[in-house]
Amino acid sequence: MDVAIFLPLLIIMGAFMFFASRRQKKAMQKTIDLHNSLQIGDRIHTTSGLQGTITGITDDNIHLEIAPGVITTWMKLAVRDRIESDADDANDAAHPEVSSAATELTESTAVTDNDGFKKD
C-alpha cells in the first residue's frame, strides 16, 4: 500500500525537476548567446537598469558609454538584454508630444550659475 502512494509521488517530483531544469537550461543558453553576439555600437540594458552603448568588448568585460564622453566598465554577466532600435523609433512616433515638450523645455530653460544669476 505504501508503494502505491510513494511511487506516483516520486514520478511527479521527478517530472517537475526535469521540466524545471530544462527551462533553466534554455534561459541560460539564451543569455550565453546574447553575450556572445554583443558588438560595438549595440545599445543594451544592464541588470541594474542602466542603458548604454557598447564602446569596447574584452573576454569578460564591456565598456559602456552611458553619457557623451562617460565610459564605464561592466562585466558581460551584467548585460540583461539588447535595446532594439525599432522600439525606440516606434516609441518616439507614438508619443511625439513628449519629445516636443522636452525640446521646448530645453530651449526655454536659462542656464544659471550657483548664485541663481543668469549666465551669458
PDB file of N, CA and C in Angstrom:
ATOM      1  N   MET A   1       0.818  -1.196   0.000  1.00  0.00           N
ATOM      2  CA  MET A   1       0.000   0.000   0.000  1.00  0.00           C
ATOM      3  C   MET A   1       0.863   1.262   0.000  1.00  0.00           C
ATOM      4  N   ASP A   2       1.957   1.237   0.726  1.00  0.00           N
ATOM      5  CA  ASP A   2       2.837   2.392   0.794  1.00  0.00           C
ATOM      6  C   ASP A   2       3.503   2.664  -0.554  1.00  0.00           C
ATOM      7  N   VAL A   3       3.838   1.614  -1.282  1.00  0.00           N
ATOM      8  CA  VAL A   3       4.476   1.756  -2.584  1.00  0.00           C
ATOM      9  C   VAL A   3       3.502   2.388  -3.581  1.00  0.00           C
ATOM     10  N   ALA A   4       2.224   2.087  -3.483  1.00  0.00           N
ATOM     11  CA  ALA A   4       1.213   2.625  -4.388  1.00  0.00           C
ATOM     12  C   ALA A   4       1.081   4.141  -4.227  1.00  0.00           C
ATOM     13  N   ILE A   5       1.354   4.653  -3.057  1.00  0.00           N
ATOM     14  CA  ILE A   5       1.292   6.103  -2.817  1.00  0.00           C
ATOM     15  C   ILE A   5       2.643   6.751  -3.127  1.00  0.00           C
ATOM     16  N   PHE A   6       3.703   6.105  -2.750  1.00  0.00           N
ATOM     17  CA  PHE A   6       5.041   6.677  -2.870  1.00  0.00           C
ATOM     18  C   PHE A   6       5.524   6.750  -4.317  1.00  0.00           C
ATOM     19  N   LEU A   7       5.262   5.744  -5.113  1.00  0.00           N
ATOM     20  CA  LEU A   7       5.738   5.693  -6.498  1.00  0.00           C
ATOM     21  C   LEU A   7       5.169   6.822  -7.370  1.00  0.00           C
ATOM     22  N   PRO A   8       3.858   7.072  -7.405  1.00  0.00           N
ATOM     23  CA  PRO A   8       3.351   8.199  -8.216  1.00  0.00           C
ATOM     24  C   PRO A   8       3.884   9.556  -7.736  1.00  0.00           C
ATOM     25  N   LEU A   9       4.035   9.690  -6.429  1.00  0.00           N
ATOM     26  CA  LEU A   9       4.582  10.931  -5.886  1.00  0.00           C
ATOM     27  C   LEU A   9       6.018  11.131  -6.351  1.00  0.00           C
ATOM     28  N   LEU A  10       6.792  10.072  -6.358  1.00  0.00           N
ATOM     29  CA  LEU A  10       8.177  10.127  -6.824  1.00  0.00           C
ATOM     30  C   LEU A  10       8.249  10.457  -8.321  1.00  0.00           C
ATOM     31  N   ILE A  11       7.360   9.887  -9.109  1.00  0.00           N
ATOM     32  CA  ILE A  11       7.324  10.156 -10.548  1.00  0.00           C
ATOM     33  C   ILE A  11       6.943  11.617 -10.818  1.00  0.00           C
ATOM     34  N   ILE A  12       5.985  12.136 -10.091  1.00  0.00           N
ATOM     35  CA  ILE A  12       5.560  13.531 -10.263  1.00  0.00           C
ATOM     36  C   ILE A  12       6.699  14.480  -9.897  1.00  0.00           C
ATOM     37  N   MET A  13       7.396  14.212  -8.805  1.00  0.00           N
ATOM     38  CA  MET A  13       8.514  15.057  -8.396  1.00  0.00           C
ATOM     39  C   MET A  13       9.638  15.007  -9.428  1.00  0.00           C
ATOM     40  N   GLY A  14       9.913  13.830  -9.950  1.00  0.00           N
ATOM     41  CA  GLY A  14      10.959  13.690 -10.963  1.00  0.00           C
ATOM     42  C   GLY A  14      10.617  14.448 -12.243  1.00  0.00           C
ATOM     43  N   ALA A  15       9.360  14.375 -12.670  1.00  0.00           N
ATOM     44  CA  ALA A  15       8.932  15.099 -13.870  1.00  0.00           C
ATOM     45  C   ALA A  15       9.040  16.609 -13.652  1.00  0.00           C
ATOM     46  N   PHE A  16       8.641  17.081 -12.476  1.00  0.00           N
ATOM     47  CA  PHE A  16       8.733  18.511 -12.165  1.00  0.00           C
ATOM     48  C   PHE A  16      10.185  18.979 -12.213  1.00  0.00           C
ATOM     49  N   MET A  17      11.087  18.211 -11.620  1.00  0.00           N
ATOM     50  CA  MET A  17      12.503  18.586 -11.615  1.00  0.00           C
ATOM     51  C   MET A  17      13.076  18.588 -13.032  1.00  0.00           C
ATOM     52  N   PHE A  18      12.667  17.626 -13.850  1.00  0.00           N
ATOM     53  CA  PHE A  18      13.145  17.552 -15.226  1.00  0.00           C
ATOM     54  C   PHE A  18      12.732  18.784 -16.022  1.00  0.00           C
ATOM     55  N   PHE A  19      11.450  19.151 -15.952  1.00  0.00           N
ATOM     56  CA  PHE A  19      10.971  20.293 -16.729  1.00  0.00           C
ATOM     57  C   PHE A  19      11.501  21.617 -16.190  1.00  0.00           C
ATOM     58  N   ALA A  20      11.687  21.727 -14.892  1.00  0.00           N
ATOM     59  CA  ALA A  20      12.240  22.950 -14.313  1.00  0.00           C
ATOM     60  C   ALA A  20      13.690  23.149 -14.753  1.00  0.00           C
ATOM     61  N   SER A  21      14.480  22.079 -14.735  1.00  0.00           N
ATOM     62  CA  SER A  21      15.876  22.207 -15.146  1.00  0.00           C
ATOM     63  C   SER A  21      15.987  22.464 -16.648  1.00  0.00           C
ATOM     64  N   ARG A  22      15.084  21.924 -17.418  1.00  0.00           N
ATOM     65  CA  ARG A  22      15.096  22.143 -18.863  1.00  0.00           C
ATOM     66  C   ARG A  22      14.821  23.614 -19.188  1.00  0.00           C
ATOM     67  N   ARG A  23      13.855  24.207 -18.503  1.00  0.00           N
ATOM     68  CA  ARG A  23      13.530  25.619 -18.708  1.00  0.00           C
ATOM     69  C   ARG A  23      14.714  26.506 -18.309  1.00  0.00           C
ATOM     70  N   GLN A  24      15.364  26.144 -17.206  1.00  0.00           N
ATOM     71  CA  GLN A  24      16.514  26.913 -16.733  1.00  0.00           C
ATOM     72  C   GLN A  24      17.674  26.816 -17.735  1.00  0.00           C
ATOM     73  N   LYS A  25      17.902  25.639 -18.302  1.00  0.00           N
ATOM     74  CA  LYS A  25      18.971  25.473 -19.291  1.00  0.00           C
ATOM     75  C   LYS A  25      18.701  26.303 -20.542  1.00  0.00           C
ATOM     76  N   LYS A  26      17.449  26.370 -20.982  1.00  0.00           N
ATOM     77  CA  LYS A  26      17.110  27.172 -22.153  1.00  0.00           C
ATOM     78  C   LYS A  26      17.352  28.654 -21.891  1.00  0.00           C
ATOM     79  N   ALA A  27      16.976  29.132 -20.708  1.00  0.00           N
ATOM     80  CA  ALA A  27      17.188  30.534 -20.362  1.00  0.00           C
ATOM     81  C   ALA A  27      18.679  30.846 -20.284  1.00  0.00           C
ATOM     82  N   MET A  28      19.469  29.941 -19.725  1.00  0.00           N
ATOM     83  CA  MET A  28      20.907  30.144 -19.625  1.00  0.00           C
ATOM     84  C   MET A  28      21.549  30.164 -21.013  1.00  0.00           C
ATOM     85  N   GLN A  29      21.126  29.295 -21.907  1.00  0.00           N
ATOM     86  CA  GLN A  29      21.669  29.272 -23.263  1.00  0.00           C
ATOM     87  C   GLN A  29      21.318  30.553 -24.010  1.00  0.00           C
ATOM     88  N   LYS A  30      20.108  31.072 -23.799  1.00  0.00           N
ATOM     89  CA  LYS A  30      19.705  32.323 -24.432  1.00  0.00           C
ATOM     90  C   LYS A  30      20.589  33.477 -23.951  1.00  0.00           C
ATOM     91  N   THR A  31      20.913  33.507 -22.663  1.00  0.00           N
ATOM     92  CA  THR A  31      21.783  34.541 -22.116  1.00  0.00           C
ATOM     93  C   THR A  31      23.195  34.414 -22.670  1.00  0.00           C
ATOM     94  N   ILE A  32      23.711  33.208 -22.763  1.00  0.00           N
ATOM     95  CA  ILE A  32      25.048  32.980 -23.315  1.00  0.00           C
ATOM     96  C   ILE A  32      25.102  33.420 -24.779  1.00  0.00           C
ATOM     97  N   ASP A  33      24.067  33.086 -25.550  1.00  0.00           N
ATOM     98  CA  ASP A  33      24.015  33.503 -26.952  1.00  0.00           C
ATOM     99  C   ASP A  33      23.996  35.022 -27.077  1.00  0.00           C
ATOM    100  N   LEU A  34      23.269  35.698 -26.186  1.00  0.00           N
ATOM    101  CA  LEU A  34      23.240  37.161 -26.201  1.00  0.00           C
ATOM    102  C   LEU A  34      24.625  37.723 -25.936  1.00  0.00           C
ATOM    103  N   HIS A  35      25.301  37.215 -24.914  1.00  0.00           N
ATOM    104  CA  HIS A  35      26.632  37.714 -24.564  1.00  0.00           C
ATOM    105  C   HIS A  35      27.642  37.473 -25.681  1.00  0.00           C
ATOM    106  N   ASN A  36      27.512  36.351 -26.378  1.00  0.00           N
ATOM    107  CA  ASN A  36      28.432  36.064 -27.484  1.00  0.00           C
ATOM    108  C   ASN A  36      28.140  36.898 -28.726  1.00  0.00           C
ATOM    109  N   SER A  37      26.917  37.418 -28.850  1.00  0.00           N
ATOM    110  CA  SER A  37      26.556  38.176 -30.051  1.00  0.00           C
ATOM    111  C   SER A  37      26.708  39.689 -29.872  1.00  0.00           C
ATOM    112  N   LEU A  38      27.153  40.143 -28.715  1.00  0.00           N
ATOM    113  CA  LEU A  38      27.305  41.582 -28.485  1.00  0.00           C
ATOM    114  C   LEU A  38      28.372  42.155 -29.408  1.00  0.00           C
ATOM    115  N   GLN A  39      28.100  43.346 -29.919  1.00  0.00           N
ATOM    116  CA  GLN A  39      29.038  44.024 -30.813  1.00  0.00           C
ATOM    117  C   GLN A  39      29.166  45.475 -30.391  1.00  0.00           C
ATOM    118  N   ILE A  40      30.274  46.091 -30.793  1.00  0.00           N
ATOM    119  CA  ILE A  40      30.481  47.511 -30.510  1.00  0.00           C
ATOM    120  C   ILE A  40      29.401  48.304 -31.231  1.00  0.00           C
ATOM    121  N   GLY A  41      28.799  49.237 -30.509  1.00  0.00           N
ATOM    122  CA  GLY A  41      27.718  50.052 -31.064  1.00  0.00           C
ATOM    123  C   GLY A  41      26.341  49.598 -30.635  1.00  0.00           C
ATOM    124  N   ASP A  42      26.211  48.393 -30.073  1.00  0.00           N
ATOM    125  CA  ASP A  42      24.917  47.912 -29.595  1.00  0.00           C
ATOM    126  C   ASP A  42      24.477  48.712 -28.381  1.00  0.00           C
ATOM    127  N   ARG A  43      23.169  49.006 -28.294  1.00  0.00           N
ATOM    128  CA  ARG A  43      22.591  49.620 -27.102  1.00  0.00           C
ATOM    129  C   ARG A  43      22.044  48.503 -26.238  1.00  0.00           C
ATOM    130  N   ILE A  44      22.338  48.556 -24.935  1.00  0.00           N
ATOM    131  CA  ILE A  44      21.934  47.464 -24.045  1.00  0.00           C
ATOM    132  C   ILE A  44      21.341  48.005 -22.747  1.00  0.00           C
ATOM    133  N   HIS A  45      20.643  47.119 -22.029  1.00  0.00           N
ATOM    134  CA  HIS A  45      20.214  47.333 -20.648  1.00  0.00           C
ATOM    135  C   HIS A  45      21.090  46.450 -19.771  1.00  0.00           C
ATOM    136  N   THR A  46      21.484  46.956 -18.612  1.00  0.00           N
ATOM    137  CA  THR A  46      22.171  46.104 -17.646  1.00  0.00           C
ATOM    138  C   THR A  46      21.136  45.547 -16.674  1.00  0.00           C
ATOM    139  N   THR A  47      21.545  44.611 -15.836  1.00  0.00           N
ATOM    140  CA  THR A  47      20.634  44.021 -14.869  1.00  0.00           C
ATOM    141  C   THR A  47      20.186  45.034 -13.826  1.00  0.00           C
ATOM    142  N   SER A  48      20.930  46.132 -13.655  1.00  0.00           N
ATOM    143  CA  SER A  48      20.536  47.165 -12.702  1.00  0.00           C
ATOM    144  C   SER A  48      19.694  48.258 -13.353  1.00  0.00           C
ATOM    145  N   GLY A  49      19.411  48.135 -14.653  1.00  0.00           N
ATOM    146  CA  GLY A  49      18.534  49.071 -15.333  1.00  0.00           C
ATOM    147  C   GLY A  49      19.234  50.180 -16.088  1.00  0.00           C
ATOM    148  N   LEU A  50      20.540  50.195 -16.092  1.00  0.00           N
ATOM    149  CA  LEU A  50      21.294  51.227 -16.803  1.00  0.00           C
ATOM    150  C   LEU A  50      21.268  50.955 -18.299  1.00  0.00           C
ATOM    151  N   GLN A  51      21.125  52.003 -19.096  1.00  0.00           N
ATOM    152  CA  GLN A  51      21.186  51.877 -20.549  1.00  0.00           C
ATOM    153  C   GLN A  51      22.489  52.479 -21.040  1.00  0.00           C
ATOM    154  N   GLY A  52      23.083  51.873 -22.038  1.00  0.00           N
ATOM    155  CA  GLY A  52      24.323  52.401 -22.573  1.00  0.00           C
ATOM    156  C   GLY A  52      24.639  51.810 -23.932  1.00  0.00           C
ATOM    157  N   THR A  53      25.676  52.368 -24.549  1.00  0.00           N
ATOM    158  CA  THR A  53      26.154  51.910 -25.852  1.00  0.00           C
ATOM    159  C   THR A  53      27.517  51.266 -25.660  1.00  0.00           C
ATOM    160  N   ILE A  54      27.701  50.088 -26.222  1.00  0.00           N
ATOM    161  CA  ILE A  54      28.962  49.370 -26.081  1.00  0.00           C
ATOM    162  C   ILE A  54      30.031  50.061 -26.915  1.00  0.00           C
ATOM    163  N   THR A  55      31.160  50.412 -26.258  1.00  0.00           N
ATOM    164  CA  THR A  55      32.271  51.046 -26.970  1.00  0.00           C
ATOM    165  C   THR A  55      33.491  50.137 -27.048  1.00  0.00           C
ATOM    166  N   GLY A  56      33.506  49.060 -26.254  1.00  0.00           N
ATOM    167  CA  GLY A  56      34.614  48.120 -26.279  1.00  0.00           C
ATOM    168  C   GLY A  56      34.215  46.812 -25.637  1.00  0.00           C
ATOM    169  N   ILE A  57      34.826  45.725 -26.097  1.00  0.00           N
ATOM    170  CA  ILE A  57      34.499  44.395 -25.578  1.00  0.00           C
ATOM    171  C   ILE A  57      35.799  43.634 -25.335  1.00  0.00           C
ATOM    172  N   THR A  58      35.921  43.016 -24.147  1.00  0.00           N
ATOM    173  CA  THR A  58      37.008  42.088 -23.865  1.00  0.00           C
ATOM    174  C   THR A  58      36.367  40.730 -23.580  1.00  0.00           C
ATOM    175  N   ASP A  59      37.162  39.765 -23.113  1.00  0.00           N
ATOM    176  CA  ASP A  59      36.614  38.434 -22.856  1.00  0.00           C
ATOM    177  C   ASP A  59      35.509  38.448 -21.809  1.00  0.00           C
ATOM    178  N   ASP A  60      35.724  39.151 -20.694  1.00  0.00           N
ATOM    179  CA  ASP A  60      34.765  39.131 -19.598  1.00  0.00           C
ATOM    180  C   ASP A  60      34.067  40.459 -19.367  1.00  0.00           C
ATOM    181  N   ASN A  61      34.561  41.556 -19.954  1.00  0.00           N
ATOM    182  CA  ASN A  61      34.039  42.889 -19.671  1.00  0.00           C
ATOM    183  C   ASN A  61      33.584  43.599 -20.935  1.00  0.00           C
ATOM    184  N   ILE A  62      32.746  44.606 -20.732  1.00  0.00           N
ATOM    185  CA  ILE A  62      32.363  45.508 -21.802  1.00  0.00           C
ATOM    186  C   ILE A  62      32.536  46.937 -21.302  1.00  0.00           C
ATOM    187  N   HIS A  63      32.771  47.846 -22.219  1.00  0.00           N
ATOM    188  CA  HIS A  63      32.882  49.260 -21.888  1.00  0.00           C
ATOM    189  C   HIS A  63      31.626  49.932 -22.433  1.00  0.00           C
ATOM    190  N   LEU A  64      30.875  50.589 -21.537  1.00  0.00           N
ATOM    191  CA  LEU A  64      29.622  51.235 -21.906  1.00  0.00           C
ATOM    192  C   LEU A  64      29.752  52.741 -21.856  1.00  0.00           C
ATOM    193  N   GLU A  65      29.256  53.393 -22.886  1.00  0.00           N
ATOM    194  CA  GLU A  65      29.137  54.851 -22.858  1.00  0.00           C
ATOM    195  C   GLU A  65      27.723  55.146 -22.366  1.00  0.00           C
ATOM    196  N   ILE A  66      27.630  55.686 -21.145  1.00  0.00           N
ATOM    197  CA  ILE A  66      26.326  55.933 -20.533  1.00  0.00           C
ATOM    198  C   ILE A  66      25.873  57.379 -20.719  1.00  0.00           C
ATOM    199  N   ALA A  67      26.777  58.247 -21.081  1.00  0.00           N
ATOM    200  CA  ALA A  67      26.500  59.647 -21.424  1.00  0.00           C
ATOM    201  C   ALA A  67      27.623  60.068 -22.362  1.00  0.00           C
ATOM    202  N   PRO A  68      27.437  61.156 -23.095  1.00  0.00           N
ATOM    203  CA  PRO A  68      28.508  61.569 -24.010  1.00  0.00           C
ATOM    204  C   PRO A  68      29.834  61.774 -23.272  1.00  0.00           C
ATOM    205  N   GLY A  69      30.825  60.963 -23.621  1.00  0.00           N
ATOM    206  CA  GLY A  69      32.149  61.060 -23.020  1.00  0.00           C
ATOM    207  C   GLY A  69      32.315  60.322 -21.702  1.00  0.00           C
ATOM    208  N   VAL A  70      31.261  59.681 -21.181  1.00  0.00           N
ATOM    209  CA  VAL A  70      31.350  58.950 -19.916  1.00  0.00           C
ATOM    210  C   VAL A  70      31.322  57.459 -20.219  1.00  0.00           C
ATOM    211  N   ILE A  71      32.461  56.795 -20.010  1.00  0.00           N
ATOM    212  CA  ILE A  71      32.571  55.369 -20.319  1.00  0.00           C
ATOM    213  C   ILE A  71      32.842  54.609 -19.028  1.00  0.00           C
ATOM    214  N   THR A  72      32.050  53.564 -18.776  1.00  0.00           N
ATOM    215  CA  THR A  72      32.211  52.722 -17.595  1.00  0.00           C
ATOM    216  C   THR A  72      32.484  51.291 -18.026  1.00  0.00           C
ATOM    217  N   THR A  73      33.073  50.512 -17.137  1.00  0.00           N
ATOM    218  CA  THR A  73      33.395  49.109 -17.424  1.00  0.00           C
ATOM    219  C   THR A  73      32.456  48.213 -16.632  1.00  0.00           C
ATOM    220  N   TRP A  74      31.860  47.245 -17.307  1.00  0.00           N
ATOM    221  CA  TRP A  74      30.906  46.312 -16.703  1.00  0.00           C
ATOM    222  C   TRP A  74      31.301  44.896 -17.069  1.00  0.00           C
ATOM    223  N   MET A  75      30.921  43.948 -16.221  1.00  0.00           N
ATOM    224  CA  MET A  75      31.066  42.538 -16.571  1.00  0.00           C
ATOM    225  C   MET A  75      30.004  42.187 -17.614  1.00  0.00           C
ATOM    226  N   LYS A  76      30.329  41.282 -18.513  1.00  0.00           N
ATOM    227  CA  LYS A  76      29.352  40.852 -19.511  1.00  0.00           C
ATOM    228  C   LYS A  76      28.122  40.231 -18.846  1.00  0.00           C
ATOM    229  N   LEU A  77      28.320  39.621 -17.699  1.00  0.00           N
ATOM    230  CA  LEU A  77      27.204  38.987 -16.999  1.00  0.00           C
ATOM    231  C   LEU A  77      26.146  39.993 -16.567  1.00  0.00           C
ATOM    232  N   ALA A  78      26.491  41.286 -16.525  1.00  0.00           N
ATOM    233  CA  ALA A  78      25.538  42.315 -16.117  1.00  0.00           C
ATOM    234  C   ALA A  78      24.617  42.740 -17.255  1.00  0.00           C
ATOM    235  N   VAL A  79      24.857  42.260 -18.468  1.00  0.00           N
ATOM    236  CA  VAL A  79      24.008  42.624 -19.606  1.00  0.00           C
ATOM    237  C   VAL A  79      22.726  41.813 -19.540  1.00  0.00           C
ATOM    238  N   ARG A  80      21.581  42.521 -19.488  1.00  0.00           N
ATOM    239  CA  ARG A  80      20.288  41.840 -19.427  1.00  0.00           C
ATOM    240  C   ARG A  80      19.720  41.603 -20.810  1.00  0.00           C
ATOM    241  N   ASP A  81      19.706  42.660 -21.655  1.00  0.00           N
ATOM    242  CA  ASP A  81      19.178  42.499 -22.996  1.00  0.00           C
ATOM    243  C   ASP A  81      19.655  43.623 -23.903  1.00  0.00           C
ATOM    244  N   ARG A  82      19.427  43.432 -25.180  1.00  0.00           N
ATOM    245  CA  ARG A  82      19.803  44.409 -26.197  1.00  0.00           C
ATOM    246  C   ARG A  82      18.586  45.291 -26.470  1.00  0.00           C
ATOM    247  N   ILE A  83      18.820  46.587 -26.626  1.00  0.00           N
ATOM    248  CA  ILE A  83      17.741  47.516 -26.956  1.00  0.00           C
ATOM    249  C   ILE A  83      17.613  47.547 -28.470  1.00  0.00           C
ATOM    250  N   GLU A  84      16.454  47.204 -28.948  1.00  0.00           N
ATOM    251  CA  GLU A  84      16.216  47.210 -30.388  1.00  0.00           C
ATOM    252  C   GLU A  84      15.901  48.629 -30.828  1.00  0.00           C
ATOM    253  N   SER A  85      16.526  49.102 -31.880  1.00  0.00           N
ATOM    254  CA  SER A  85      16.348  50.482 -32.338  1.00  0.00           C
ATOM    255  C   SER A  85      14.937  50.731 -32.857  1.00  0.00           C
ATOM    256  N   ASP A  86      14.266  49.715 -33.380  1.00  0.00           N
ATOM    257  CA  ASP A  86      12.897  49.878 -33.870  1.00  0.00           C
ATOM    258  C   ASP A  86      11.960  50.262 -32.739  1.00  0.00           C
ATOM    259  N   ALA A  87      12.192  49.742 -31.544  1.00  0.00           N
ATOM    260  CA  ALA A  87      11.334  50.058 -30.404  1.00  0.00           C
ATOM    261  C   ALA A  87      11.486  51.523 -30.013  1.00  0.00           C
ATOM    262  N   ASP A  88      12.697  52.061 -30.074  1.00  0.00           N
ATOM    263  CA  ASP A  88      12.920  53.461 -29.746  1.00  0.00           C
ATOM    264  C   ASP A  88      12.231  54.364 -30.761  1.00  0.00           C
ATOM    265  N   ASP A  89      12.338  54.026 -32.048  1.00  0.00           N
ATOM    266  CA  ASP A  89      11.708  54.829 -33.094  1.00  0.00           C
ATOM    267  C   ASP A  89      10.192  54.780 -32.973  1.00  0.00           C
ATOM    268  N   ALA A  90       9.654  53.606 -32.678  1.00  0.00           N
ATOM    269  CA  ALA A  90       8.205  53.459 -32.529  1.00  0.00           C
ATOM    270  C   ALA A  90       7.709  54.235 -31.312  1.00  0.00           C
ATOM    271  N   ASN A  91       8.482  54.256 -30.234  1.00  0.00           N
ATOM    272  CA  ASN A  91       8.092  54.984 -29.035  1.00  0.00           C
ATOM    273  C   ASN A  91       8.063  56.480 -29.301  1.00  0.00           C
ATOM    274  N   ASP A  92       9.036  57.008 -30.036  1.00  0.00           N
ATOM    275  CA  ASP A  92       9.062  58.427 -30.375  1.00  0.00           C
ATOM    276  C   ASP A  92       7.894  58.784 -31.295  1.00  0.00           C
ATOM    277  N   ALA A  93       7.566  57.898 -32.227  1.00  0.00           N
ATOM    278  CA  ALA A  93       6.472  58.155 -33.146  1.00  0.00           C
ATOM    279  C   ALA A  93       5.127  58.086 -32.426  1.00  0.00           C
ATOM    280  N   ALA A  94       5.014  57.213 -31.430  1.00  0.00           N
ATOM    281  CA  ALA A  94       3.760  57.052 -30.697  1.00  0.00           C
ATOM    282  C   ALA A  94       3.504  58.218 -29.754  1.00  0.00           C
ATOM    283  N   HIS A  95       4.557  58.887 -29.276  1.00  0.00           N
ATOM    284  CA  HIS A  95       4.420  59.970 -28.309  1.00  0.00           C
ATOM    285  C   HIS A  95       5.182  61.215 -28.764  1.00  0.00           C
ATOM    286  N   PRO A  96       4.790  61.836 -29.873  1.00  0.00           N
ATOM    287  CA  PRO A  96       5.535  62.998 -30.354  1.00  0.00           C
ATOM    288  C   PRO A  96       5.415  64.197 -29.419  1.00  0.00           C
ATOM    289  N   GLU A  97       4.303  64.260 -28.656  1.00  0.00           N
ATOM    290  CA  GLU A  97       4.130  65.401 -27.763  1.00  0.00           C
ATOM    291  C   GLU A  97       5.147  65.395 -26.628  1.00  0.00           C
ATOM    292  N   VAL A  98       5.617  64.215 -26.229  1.00  0.00           N
ATOM    293  CA  VAL A  98       6.605  64.132 -25.164  1.00  0.00           C
ATOM    294  C   VAL A  98       7.944  64.680 -25.649  1.00  0.00           C
ATOM    295  N   SER A  99       8.379  64.261 -26.828  1.00  0.00           N
ATOM    296  CA  SER A  99       9.667  64.732 -27.331  1.00  0.00           C
ATOM    297  C   SER A  99       9.612  66.222 -27.672  1.00  0.00           C
ATOM    298  N   SER A 100       8.480  66.735 -28.197  1.00  0.00           N
ATOM    299  CA  SER A 100       8.392  68.159 -28.499  1.00  0.00           C
ATOM    300  C   SER A 100       8.340  68.982 -27.224  1.00  0.00           C
ATOM    301  N   ALA A 101       7.666  68.470 -26.170  1.00  0.00           N
ATOM    302  CA  ALA A 101       7.630  69.183 -24.893  1.00  0.00           C
ATOM    303  C   ALA A 101       9.015  69.231 -24.262  1.00  0.00           C
ATOM    304  N   ALA A 102       9.778  68.166 -24.394  1.00  0.00           N
ATOM    305  CA  ALA A 102      11.138  68.143 -23.856  1.00  0.00           C
ATOM    306  C   ALA A 102      12.024  69.121 -24.609  1.00  0.00           C
ATOM    307  N   THR A 103      11.832  69.231 -25.919  1.00  0.00           N
ATOM    308  CA  THR A 103      12.615  70.181 -26.714  1.00  0.00           C
ATOM    309  C   THR A 103      12.279  71.612 -26.312  1.00  0.00           C
ATOM    310  N   GLU A 104      10.985  71.900 -26.133  1.00  0.00           N
ATOM    311  CA  GLU A 104      10.573  73.242 -25.727  1.00  0.00           C
ATOM    312  C   GLU A 104      11.140  73.585 -24.354  1.00  0.00           C
ATOM    313  N   LEU A 105      11.118  72.636 -23.433  1.00  0.00           N
ATOM    314  CA  LEU A 105      11.636  72.864 -22.099  1.00  0.00           C
ATOM    315  C   LEU A 105      13.136  73.135 -22.149  1.00  0.00           C
ATOM    316  N   THR A 106      13.854  72.384 -22.949  1.00  0.00           N
ATOM    317  CA  THR A 106      15.299  72.570 -23.068  1.00  0.00           C
ATOM    318  C   THR A 106      15.619  73.932 -23.673  1.00  0.00           C
ATOM    319  N   GLU A 107      14.865  74.338 -24.698  1.00  0.00           N
ATOM    320  CA  GLU A 107      15.124  75.611 -25.349  1.00  0.00           C
ATOM    321  C   GLU A 107      14.774  76.797 -24.464  1.00  0.00           C
ATOM    322  N   SER A 108      13.758  76.663 -23.611  1.00  0.00           N
ATOM    323  CA  SER A 108      13.317  77.791 -22.806  1.00  0.00           C
ATOM    324  C   SER A 108      14.022  77.880 -21.463  1.00  0.00           C
ATOM    325  N   THR A 109      14.760  76.853 -21.065  1.00  0.00           N
ATOM    326  CA  THR A 109      15.429  76.862 -19.780  1.00  0.00           C
ATOM    327  C   THR A 109      16.708  77.679 -19.870  1.00  0.00           C
ATOM    328  N   ALA A 110      16.832  78.670 -18.984  1.00  0.00           N
ATOM    329  CA  ALA A 110      18.032  79.500 -18.960  1.00  0.00           C
ATOM    330  C   ALA A 110      19.073  78.844 -18.072  1.00  0.00           C
ATOM    331  N   VAL A 111      20.334  78.987 -18.437  1.00  0.00           N
ATOM    332  CA  VAL A 111      21.421  78.431 -17.647  1.00  0.00           C
ATOM    333  C   VAL A 111      21.825  79.463 -16.611  1.00  0.00           C
ATOM    334  N   THR A 112      21.878  79.034 -15.344  1.00  0.00           N
ATOM    335  CA  THR A 112      22.253  79.942 -14.264  1.00  0.00           C
ATOM    336  C   THR A 112      23.462  79.400 -13.543  1.00  0.00           C
ATOM    337  N   ASP A 113      24.172  80.293 -12.832  1.00  0.00           N
ATOM    338  CA  ASP A 113      25.305  79.844 -12.032  1.00  0.00           C
ATOM    339  C   ASP A 113      24.818  79.478 -10.636  1.00  0.00           C
ATOM    340  N   ASN A 114      25.712  79.198  -9.719  1.00  0.00           N
ATOM    341  CA  ASN A 114      25.346  78.737  -8.385  1.00  0.00           C
ATOM    342  C   ASN A 114      24.583  79.781  -7.576  1.00  0.00           C
ATOM    343  N   ASP A 115      24.735  81.085  -7.876  1.00  0.00           N
ATOM    344  CA  ASP A 115      24.033  82.127  -7.146  1.00  0.00           C
ATOM    345  C   ASP A 115      22.634  82.386  -7.703  1.00  0.00           C
ATOM    346  N   GLY A 116      22.267  81.718  -8.769  1.00  0.00           N
ATOM    347  CA  GLY A 116      20.948  81.895  -9.353  1.00  0.00           C
ATOM    348  C   GLY A 116      20.883  82.984 -10.400  1.00  0.00           C
ATOM    349  N   PHE A 117      22.032  83.586 -10.753  1.00  0.00           N
ATOM    350  CA  PHE A 117      22.065  84.631 -11.777  1.00  0.00           C
ATOM    351  C   PHE A 117      22.207  84.010 -13.159  1.00  0.00           C
ATOM    352  N   LYS A 118      21.576  84.587 -14.123  1.00  0.00           N
ATOM    353  CA  LYS A 118      21.614  84.078 -15.487  1.00  0.00           C
ATOM    354  C   LYS A 118      23.003  84.247 -16.083  1.00  0.00           C
ATOM    355  N   LYS A 119      23.486  83.190 -16.695  1.00  0.00           N
ATOM    356  CA  LYS A 119      24.781  83.236 -17.374  1.00  0.00           C
ATOM    357  C   LYS A 119      24.609  83.763 -18.781  1.00  0.00           C
ATOM    358  N   ASP A 120      25.643  84.443 -19.286  1.00  0.00           N
ATOM    359  CA  ASP A 120      25.588  84.944 -20.666  1.00  0.00           C
ATOM    360  C   ASP A 120      26.187  83.952 -21.616  1.00  0.00           C
TER     361      ASP A 120
END
